[in-house]
C-alpha atoms as a PDB file:
ATOM      1  CA  MET A   1     -62.663 -39.983   0.867  1.00  0.00           C
ATOM      2  CA  GLY A   2     -60.287 -38.449  -1.394  1.00  0.00           C
ATOM      3  CA  MET A   3     -58.832 -34.737  -1.143  1.00  0.00           C
ATOM      4  CA  GLY A   4     -61.354 -33.275  -3.642  1.00  0.00           C
ATOM      5  CA  THR A   5     -64.245 -33.966  -1.555  1.00  0.00           C
ATOM      6  CA  SER A   6     -63.398 -33.228   1.933  1.00  0.00           C
ATOM      7  CA  PHE A   7     -65.765 -30.798   2.426  1.00  0.00           C
ATOM      8  CA  ASP A   8     -67.567 -29.966   5.700  1.00  0.00           C
ATOM      9  CA  LEU A   9     -71.142 -30.856   4.838  1.00  0.00           C
ATOM     10  CA  GLY A  10     -72.260 -29.471   7.607  1.00  0.00           C
ATOM     11  CA  GLN A  11     -70.543 -26.497   6.947  1.00  0.00           C
ATOM     12  CA  THR A  12     -71.892 -25.979   3.465  1.00  0.00           C
ATOM     13  CA  ASP A  13     -75.153 -27.587   3.434  1.00  0.00           C
ATOM     14  CA  HIS A  14     -76.138 -25.234   6.053  1.00  0.00           C
ATOM     15  CA  LEU A  15     -74.760 -22.504   4.288  1.00  0.00           C
ATOM     16  CA  LEU A  16     -76.561 -23.398   0.746  1.00  0.00           C
ATOM     17  CA  THR A  17     -79.658 -24.479   2.956  1.00  0.00           C
ATOM     18  CA  THR A  18     -80.073 -21.186   4.799  1.00  0.00           C
ATOM     19  CA  THR A  19     -79.107 -18.474   2.583  1.00  0.00           C
ATOM     20  CA  ARG A  20     -82.247 -16.709   2.377  1.00  0.00           C
ATOM     21  CA  ALA A  21     -83.376 -13.590   0.329  1.00  0.00           C
ATOM     22  CA  VAL A  22     -83.353 -10.735   3.469  1.00  0.00           C
ATOM     23  CA  ARG A  23     -85.367  -8.071   3.306  1.00  0.00           C
ATOM     24  CA  LYS A  24     -86.898  -7.148   6.730  1.00  0.00           C
ATOM     25  CA  ARG A  25     -83.361  -7.516   8.887  1.00  0.00           C
ATOM     26  CA  LEU A  26     -80.758  -5.883   6.837  1.00  0.00           C
ATOM     27  CA  ASP A  27     -79.015  -3.357   9.067  1.00  0.00           C
ATOM     28  CA  LEU A  28     -79.645  -0.064   7.043  1.00  0.00           C
ATOM     29  CA  THR A  29     -77.064   1.973   9.736  1.00  0.00           C
ATOM     30  CA  ARG A  30     -73.795  -0.250   9.265  1.00  0.00           C
ATOM     31  CA  GLU A  31     -71.873   0.814   6.631  1.00  0.00           C
ATOM     32  CA  VAL A  32     -70.891  -2.153   3.719  1.00  0.00           C
ATOM     33  CA  PRO A  33     -67.140  -1.860   3.420  1.00  0.00           C
ATOM     34  CA  ARG A  34     -65.980  -1.950   0.003  1.00  0.00           C
ATOM     35  CA  ASP A  35     -63.120  -4.504   0.338  1.00  0.00           C
ATOM     36  CA  LEU A  36     -65.910  -7.054   1.731  1.00  0.00           C
ATOM     37  CA  ILE A  37     -68.291  -6.401  -1.680  1.00  0.00           C
ATOM     38  CA  LEU A  38     -65.284  -6.671  -3.391  1.00  0.00           C
ATOM     39  CA  ASP A  39     -64.046 -10.356  -1.687  1.00  0.00           C
ATOM     40  CA  CYS A  40     -67.552 -11.453  -1.931  1.00  0.00           C
ATOM     41  CA  ILE A  41     -67.391 -10.171  -5.797  1.00  0.00           C
ATOM     42  CA  ARG A  42     -63.742 -12.110  -5.766  1.00  0.00           C
ATOM     43  CA  ILE A  43     -65.297 -15.167  -4.813  1.00  0.00           C
ATOM     44  CA  ALA A  44     -68.151 -14.992  -7.538  1.00  0.00           C
ATOM     45  CA  THR A  45     -65.935 -14.319 -10.799  1.00  0.00           C
ATOM     46  CA  GLN A  46     -64.861 -17.988  -9.664  1.00  0.00           C
ATOM     47  CA  ALA A  47     -68.478 -19.553 -11.259  1.00  0.00           C
ATOM     48  CA  PRO A  48     -68.618 -21.411 -14.441  1.00  0.00           C
ATOM     49  CA  ALA A  49     -69.294 -18.903 -17.833  1.00  0.00           C
ATOM     50  CA  GLY A  50     -70.137 -20.285 -20.942  1.00  0.00           C
ATOM     51  CA  GLY A  51     -66.677 -20.727 -22.828  1.00  0.00           C
ATOM     52  CA  ASN A  52     -65.358 -19.127 -20.468  1.00  0.00           C
ATOM     53  CA  VAL A  53     -65.963 -15.219 -21.525  1.00  0.00           C
ATOM     54  CA  GLN A  54     -66.461 -13.377 -18.672  1.00  0.00           C
ATOM     55  CA  MET A  55     -68.824 -10.876 -19.901  1.00  0.00           C
ATOM     56  CA  TRP A  56     -69.630 -10.058 -16.723  1.00  0.00           C
ATOM     57  CA  ARG A  57     -69.497  -6.807 -14.707  1.00  0.00           C
ATOM     58  CA  TRP A  58     -70.197  -5.510 -11.236  1.00  0.00           C
ATOM     59  CA  LEU A  59     -72.150  -2.381 -10.579  1.00  0.00           C
ATOM     60  CA  VAL A  60     -71.734  -0.676  -6.796  1.00  0.00           C
ATOM     61  CA  ILE A  61     -73.491   1.844  -5.948  1.00  0.00           C
ATOM     62  CA  ASP A  62     -73.064   3.352  -2.742  1.00  0.00           C
ATOM     63  CA  ASP A  63     -73.543   7.044  -3.757  1.00  0.00           C
ATOM     64  CA  PRO A  64     -76.919   8.078  -1.491  1.00  0.00           C
ATOM     65  CA  ASP A  65     -78.325  10.400  -3.950  1.00  0.00           C
ATOM     66  CA  LEU A  66     -77.862   6.929  -6.713  1.00  0.00           C
ATOM     67  CA  LYS A  67     -79.411   5.076  -4.240  1.00  0.00           C
ATOM     68  CA  LEU A  68     -82.446   7.051  -4.163  1.00  0.00           C
ATOM     69  CA  GLY A  69     -82.434   7.174  -8.042  1.00  0.00           C
ATOM     70  CA  LEU A  70     -82.377   3.654  -8.536  1.00  0.00           C
ATOM     71  CA  ALA A  71     -85.190   3.127  -5.484  1.00  0.00           C
ATOM     72  CA  GLU A  72     -87.688   5.540  -7.254  1.00  0.00           C
ATOM     73  CA  LEU A  73     -87.372   3.404 -10.364  1.00  0.00           C
ATOM     74  CA  TYR A  74     -88.156   0.442  -7.943  1.00  0.00           C
ATOM     75  CA  ARG A  75     -90.877   1.977  -5.970  1.00  0.00           C
ATOM     76  CA  LYS A  76     -92.526   2.767  -9.427  1.00  0.00           C
ATOM     77  CA  ALA A  77     -91.940  -1.210 -10.839  1.00  0.00           C
ATOM     78  CA  TYR A  78     -93.252  -2.198  -7.174  1.00  0.00           C
ATOM     79  CA  GLU A  79     -96.771  -0.221  -6.091  1.00  0.00           C
ATOM     80  CA  PRO A  80     -98.147  -2.274  -9.894  1.00  0.00           C
ATOM     81  CA  TYR A  81     -96.646  -5.401  -9.414  1.00  0.00           C
ATOM     82  CA  ILE A  82     -97.862  -5.967  -5.336  1.00  0.00           C
ATOM     83  CA  ALA A  83    -101.177  -4.972  -6.926  1.00  0.00           C
ATOM     84  CA  SER A  84    -101.269  -7.502  -8.845  1.00  0.00           C
ATOM     85  CA  GLN A  85     -99.674 -10.026  -6.283  1.00  0.00           C
ATOM     86  CA  ARG A  86    -102.006  -8.806  -3.735  1.00  0.00           C
ATOM     87  CA  GLU A  87    -105.041  -9.714  -6.288  1.00  0.00           C
ATOM     88  CA  MET A  88    -103.871 -12.975  -6.965  1.00  0.00           C
ATOM     89  CA  VAL A  89    -103.714 -13.633  -3.344  1.00  0.00           C
ATOM     90  CA  GLN A  90    -107.061 -13.105  -2.894  1.00  0.00           C
ATOM     91  CA  GLN A  91    -108.756 -15.382  -5.881  1.00  0.00           C
ATOM     92  CA  THR A  92    -106.545 -18.209  -4.546  1.00  0.00           C
ATOM     93  CA  GLY A  93    -106.756 -18.244  -0.969  1.00  0.00           C
ATOM     94  CA  ARG A  94    -102.528 -18.323   0.238  1.00  0.00           C
ATOM     95  CA  SER A  95    -102.562 -18.098   4.061  1.00  0.00           C
ATOM     96  CA  ASP A  96     -98.781 -18.261   3.494  1.00  0.00           C
ATOM     97  CA  ALA A  97     -97.964 -14.842   1.347  1.00  0.00           C
ATOM     98  CA  SER A  98     -98.610 -12.104   4.209  1.00  0.00           C
ATOM     99  CA  ALA A  99     -95.162 -12.264   5.885  1.00  0.00           C
ATOM    100  CA  ILE A 100     -93.383 -12.341   1.867  1.00  0.00           C
ATOM    101  CA  MET A 101     -95.527  -9.032   1.065  1.00  0.00           C
ATOM    102  CA  ALA A 102     -94.868  -7.199   4.732  1.00  0.00           C
ATOM    103  CA  SER A 103     -91.554  -8.452   3.692  1.00  0.00           C
ATOM    104  CA  SER A 104     -90.876  -6.962   0.135  1.00  0.00           C
ATOM    105  CA  ASP A 105     -92.986  -3.778   0.965  1.00  0.00           C
ATOM    106  CA  HIS A 106     -90.215  -2.628   4.054  1.00  0.00           C
ATOM    107  CA  LEU A 107     -87.651  -3.674   1.146  1.00  0.00           C
ATOM    108  CA  ALA A 108     -89.646  -1.126  -1.451  1.00  0.00           C
ATOM    109  CA  ASN A 109     -90.049   1.709   1.167  1.00  0.00           C
ATOM    110  CA  VAL A 110     -86.160   1.839   2.717  1.00  0.00           C
ATOM    111  CA  LEU A 111     -84.318   0.621  -0.657  1.00  0.00           C
ATOM    112  CA  HIS A 112     -82.526   3.946  -1.025  1.00  0.00           C
ATOM    113  CA  GLU A 113     -81.351   3.469   3.095  1.00  0.00           C
ATOM    114  CA  VAL A 114     -79.791  -0.102   2.507  1.00  0.00           C
ATOM    115  CA  PRO A 115     -75.747   0.926   2.497  1.00  0.00           C
ATOM    116  CA  THR A 116     -74.712  -0.708  -1.345  1.00  0.00           C
ATOM    117  CA  LEU A 117     -77.311  -1.810  -4.045  1.00  0.00           C
ATOM    118  CA  VAL A 118     -75.256  -3.630  -5.745  1.00  0.00           C
ATOM    119  CA  ILE A 119     -76.525  -4.181  -9.482  1.00  0.00           C
ATOM    120  CA  PRO A 120     -74.674  -7.146 -11.772  1.00  0.00           C
ATOM    121  CA  CYS A 121     -74.296  -6.863 -15.461  1.00  0.00           C
ATOM    122  CA  GLN A 122     -73.389  -8.744 -18.579  1.00  0.00           C
ATOM    123  CA  ILE A 123     -71.946  -7.148 -21.553  1.00  0.00           C
ATOM    124  CA  GLY A 124     -73.924  -7.815 -24.580  1.00  0.00           C
ATOM    125  CA  ARG A 125     -77.907  -7.444 -25.138  1.00  0.00           C
ATOM    126  CA  PRO A 126     -79.895 -10.852 -26.188  1.00  0.00           C
ATOM    127  CA  ASP A 127     -81.662 -10.130 -29.277  1.00  0.00           C
ATOM    128  CA  PRO A 128     -85.508 -10.944 -29.099  1.00  0.00           C
ATOM    129  CA  SER A 129     -85.153 -13.610 -31.450  1.00  0.00           C
ATOM    130  CA  TRP A 130     -83.021 -16.147 -29.808  1.00  0.00           C
ATOM    131  CA  ASN A 131     -83.891 -19.725 -29.014  1.00  0.00           C
ATOM    132  CA  GLN A 132     -84.672 -20.770 -25.531  1.00  0.00           C
ATOM    133  CA  GLY A 133     -81.085 -22.456 -25.602  1.00  0.00           C
ATOM    134  CA  LEU A 134     -78.987 -18.959 -26.513  1.00  0.00           C
ATOM    135  CA  LEU A 135     -81.452 -17.409 -23.853  1.00  0.00           C
ATOM    136  CA  ALA A 136     -80.290 -20.046 -21.371  1.00  0.00           C
ATOM    137  CA  GLY A 137     -76.609 -20.079 -21.694  1.00  0.00           C
ATOM    138  CA  THR A 138     -76.361 -16.209 -21.751  1.00  0.00           C
ATOM    139  CA  TYR A 139     -77.979 -16.222 -18.381  1.00  0.00           C
ATOM    140  CA  GLY A 140     -76.200 -19.251 -17.558  1.00  0.00           C
ATOM    141  CA  SER A 141     -72.999 -16.861 -17.914  1.00  0.00           C
ATOM    142  CA  ILE A 142     -74.309 -14.662 -14.671  1.00  0.00           C
ATOM    143  CA  ILE A 143     -76.409 -16.016 -12.374  1.00  0.00           C
ATOM    144  CA  PRO A 144     -74.175 -18.661 -10.661  1.00  0.00           C
ATOM    145  CA  ALA A 145     -71.917 -16.397 -10.569  1.00  0.00           C
ATOM    146  CA  VAL A 146     -74.524 -13.688  -8.455  1.00  0.00           C
ATOM    147  CA  TRP A 147     -75.786 -17.132  -6.297  1.00  0.00           C
ATOM    148  CA  SER A 148     -72.117 -17.778  -5.764  1.00  0.00           C
ATOM    149  CA  PHE A 149     -71.739 -13.542  -4.480  1.00  0.00           C
ATOM    150  CA  MET A 150     -74.716 -13.893  -2.041  1.00  0.00           C
ATOM    151  CA  LEU A 151     -73.456 -17.233  -0.636  1.00  0.00           C
ATOM    152  CA  ALA A 152     -70.029 -14.897   0.483  1.00  0.00           C
ATOM    153  CA  ALA A 153     -72.040 -12.262   1.314  1.00  0.00           C
ATOM    154  CA  ARG A 154     -73.920 -14.793   3.742  1.00  0.00           C
ATOM    155  CA  SER A 155     -70.879 -16.202   4.707  1.00  0.00           C
ATOM    156  CA  ARG A 156     -68.994 -12.708   5.447  1.00  0.00           C
ATOM    157  CA  GLY A 157     -72.455 -12.282   7.764  1.00  0.00           C
ATOM    158  CA  LEU A 158     -74.231 -10.028   5.482  1.00  0.00           C
ATOM    159  CA  GLY A 159     -77.882  -9.977   3.432  1.00  0.00           C
ATOM    160  CA  THR A 160     -78.681  -9.690   0.666  1.00  0.00           C
ATOM    161  CA  ALA A 161     -81.829 -10.645  -2.132  1.00  0.00           C
ATOM    162  CA  TRP A 162     -82.362 -11.485  -5.711  1.00  0.00           C
ATOM    163  CA  THR A 163     -84.699  -8.223  -6.709  1.00  0.00           C
ATOM    164  CA  THR A 164     -85.588  -7.462 -10.234  1.00  0.00           C
ATOM    165  CA  LEU A 165     -88.506  -5.096 -10.234  1.00  0.00           C
ATOM    166  CA  HIS A 166     -86.267  -2.039 -11.915  1.00  0.00           C
ATOM    167  CA  LEU A 167     -85.582  -3.511 -14.640  1.00  0.00           C
ATOM    168  CA  ALA A 168     -88.949  -2.107 -15.802  1.00  0.00           C
ATOM    169  CA  TYR A 169     -86.937   1.094 -16.339  1.00  0.00           C
ATOM    170  CA  GLU A 170     -83.762  -0.472 -16.973  1.00  0.00           C
ATOM    171  CA  ARG A 171     -83.011   2.306 -19.717  1.00  0.00           C
ATOM    172  CA  GLU A 172     -83.277   4.538 -17.316  1.00  0.00           C
ATOM    173  CA  ALA A 173     -81.463   2.666 -14.575  1.00  0.00           C
ATOM    174  CA  ALA A 174     -78.442   3.273 -17.591  1.00  0.00           C
ATOM    175  CA  GLU A 175     -79.265   6.849 -17.793  1.00  0.00           C
ATOM    176  CA  LEU A 176     -78.847   7.482 -14.072  1.00  0.00           C
ATOM    177  CA  LEU A 177     -75.705   5.300 -13.863  1.00  0.00           C
ATOM    178  CA  GLY A 178     -74.160   5.540 -17.573  1.00  0.00           C
ATOM    179  CA  ILE A 179     -74.787   2.371 -18.478  1.00  0.00           C
ATOM    180  CA  PRO A 180     -73.952   1.852 -21.893  1.00  0.00           C
ATOM    181  CA  ASP A 181     -76.451   0.738 -24.755  1.00  0.00           C
ATOM    182  CA  ASN A 182     -74.882  -2.885 -25.143  1.00  0.00           C
ATOM    183  CA  VAL A 183     -75.162  -4.060 -21.202  1.00  0.00           C
ATOM    184  CA  SER A 184     -77.689  -6.240 -19.987  1.00  0.00           C
ATOM    185  CA  GLN A 185     -78.332  -5.285 -16.193  1.00  0.00           C
ATOM    186  CA  ILE A 186     -79.679  -8.350 -14.617  1.00  0.00           C
ATOM    187  CA  ALA A 187     -80.716  -7.892 -11.116  1.00  0.00           C
ATOM    188  CA  LEU A 188     -80.415  -5.705  -8.446  1.00  0.00           C
ATOM    189  CA  THR A 189     -78.801  -6.797  -4.909  1.00  0.00           C
ATOM    190  CA  PRO A 190     -79.542  -5.205  -2.217  1.00  0.00           C
ATOM    191  CA  VAL A 191     -76.499  -5.419   0.808  1.00  0.00           C
ATOM    192  CA  ALA A 192     -76.005  -4.658   4.119  1.00  0.00           C
ATOM    193  CA  PHE A 193     -75.298  -7.179   7.173  1.00  0.00           C
ATOM    194  CA  TYR A 194     -77.827  -8.764   8.621  1.00  0.00           C
ATOM    195  CA  THR A 195     -79.629  -7.931  12.132  1.00  0.00           C
ATOM    196  CA  GLY A 196     -80.806 -10.545  15.179  1.00  0.00           C
ATOM    197  CA  ASP A 197     -79.944 -14.446  14.724  1.00  0.00           C
ATOM    198  CA  ASP A 198     -79.004 -17.262  11.881  1.00  0.00           C
ATOM    199  CA  PHE A 199     -81.460 -17.904   9.558  1.00  0.00           C
ATOM    200  CA  LYS A 200     -83.530 -21.506   9.048  1.00  0.00           C
ATOM    201  CA  GLN A 201     -84.621 -23.587   6.228  1.00  0.00           C
ATOM    202  CA  GLY A 202     -87.239 -22.269   4.350  1.00  0.00           C
ATOM    203  CA  SER A 203     -90.070 -24.006   4.172  1.00  0.00           C
ATOM    204  CA  ARG A 204     -89.834 -26.466   0.537  1.00  0.00           C
ATOM    205  CA  LEU A 205     -91.459 -29.529  -1.024  1.00  0.00           C
ATOM    206  CA  PRO A 206     -89.790 -32.321  -0.714  1.00  0.00           C
ATOM    207  CA  ALA A 207     -87.324 -33.092  -3.563  1.00  0.00           C
ATOM    208  CA  GLU A 208     -88.746 -36.923  -3.457  1.00  0.00           C
ATOM    209  CA  LYS A 209     -91.788 -34.575  -4.359  1.00  0.00           C
ATOM    210  CA  VAL A 210     -90.157 -32.810  -7.265  1.00  0.00           C
ATOM    211  CA  THR A 211     -88.099 -35.108  -9.036  1.00  0.00           C
ATOM    212  CA  TYR A 212     -88.793 -37.024 -11.659  1.00  0.00           C
ATOM    213  CA  TYR A 213     -87.141 -39.924 -13.628  1.00  0.00           C
ATOM    214  CA  ASN A 214     -86.652 -40.682 -17.535  1.00  0.00           C
ATOM    215  CA  ARG A 215     -90.109 -39.137 -18.103  1.00  0.00           C
ATOM    216  CA  TRP A 216     -91.779 -36.414 -17.060  1.00  0.00           C
ATOM    217  CA  LYS A 217     -94.165 -36.716 -13.872  1.00  0.00           C
ATOM    218  CA  GLN A 218     -92.459 -40.541 -13.237  1.00  0.00           C
ATOM    219  CA  GLN A 219     -91.574 -40.736 -10.240  1.00  0.00           C
END
């Protein structure tokens, strides 16, 4: 095996398979140093971007009043969202959703107490007339960087979660934070040290069941 592939697969696979959405186990009492966030962003900005045009910007919010304002927008969008989710669960009879919804409820309630909120942004806005290729290229030039940020955070003892509910009120959030009209907010990621022990792998369908070869559903 060459030097270019001499990774410790046990370590990298553990990181990749145990980076969970952390909602209940966020430590609300411990400050996250800005330098630590900056380290994660430094890693994140090594992610690929279309044409290497690095249009990402990272808005780090640790001001209590601004966090409260964002949390209020989040909760405003959360209430109708979770109500529809509960109704869907009742209709489908899913048995694994209650823990996820309880975790989501907790995050909505304490979001303003999370030490740091990070909003990854992209300069430019998608046009409603864009085809799927343009849309995929646009989001594909920042979402890998956000995932790298979350992996870097995990390896440093920080928990994160990908949330997008506040984007129902993106304009109001932009006004609150002074974000220009030509900038797209992509997500909102709570960041905190996590409590408790290490994380386990999630329950997932086998790779063989979700992988097709050459034609749709051809296994």
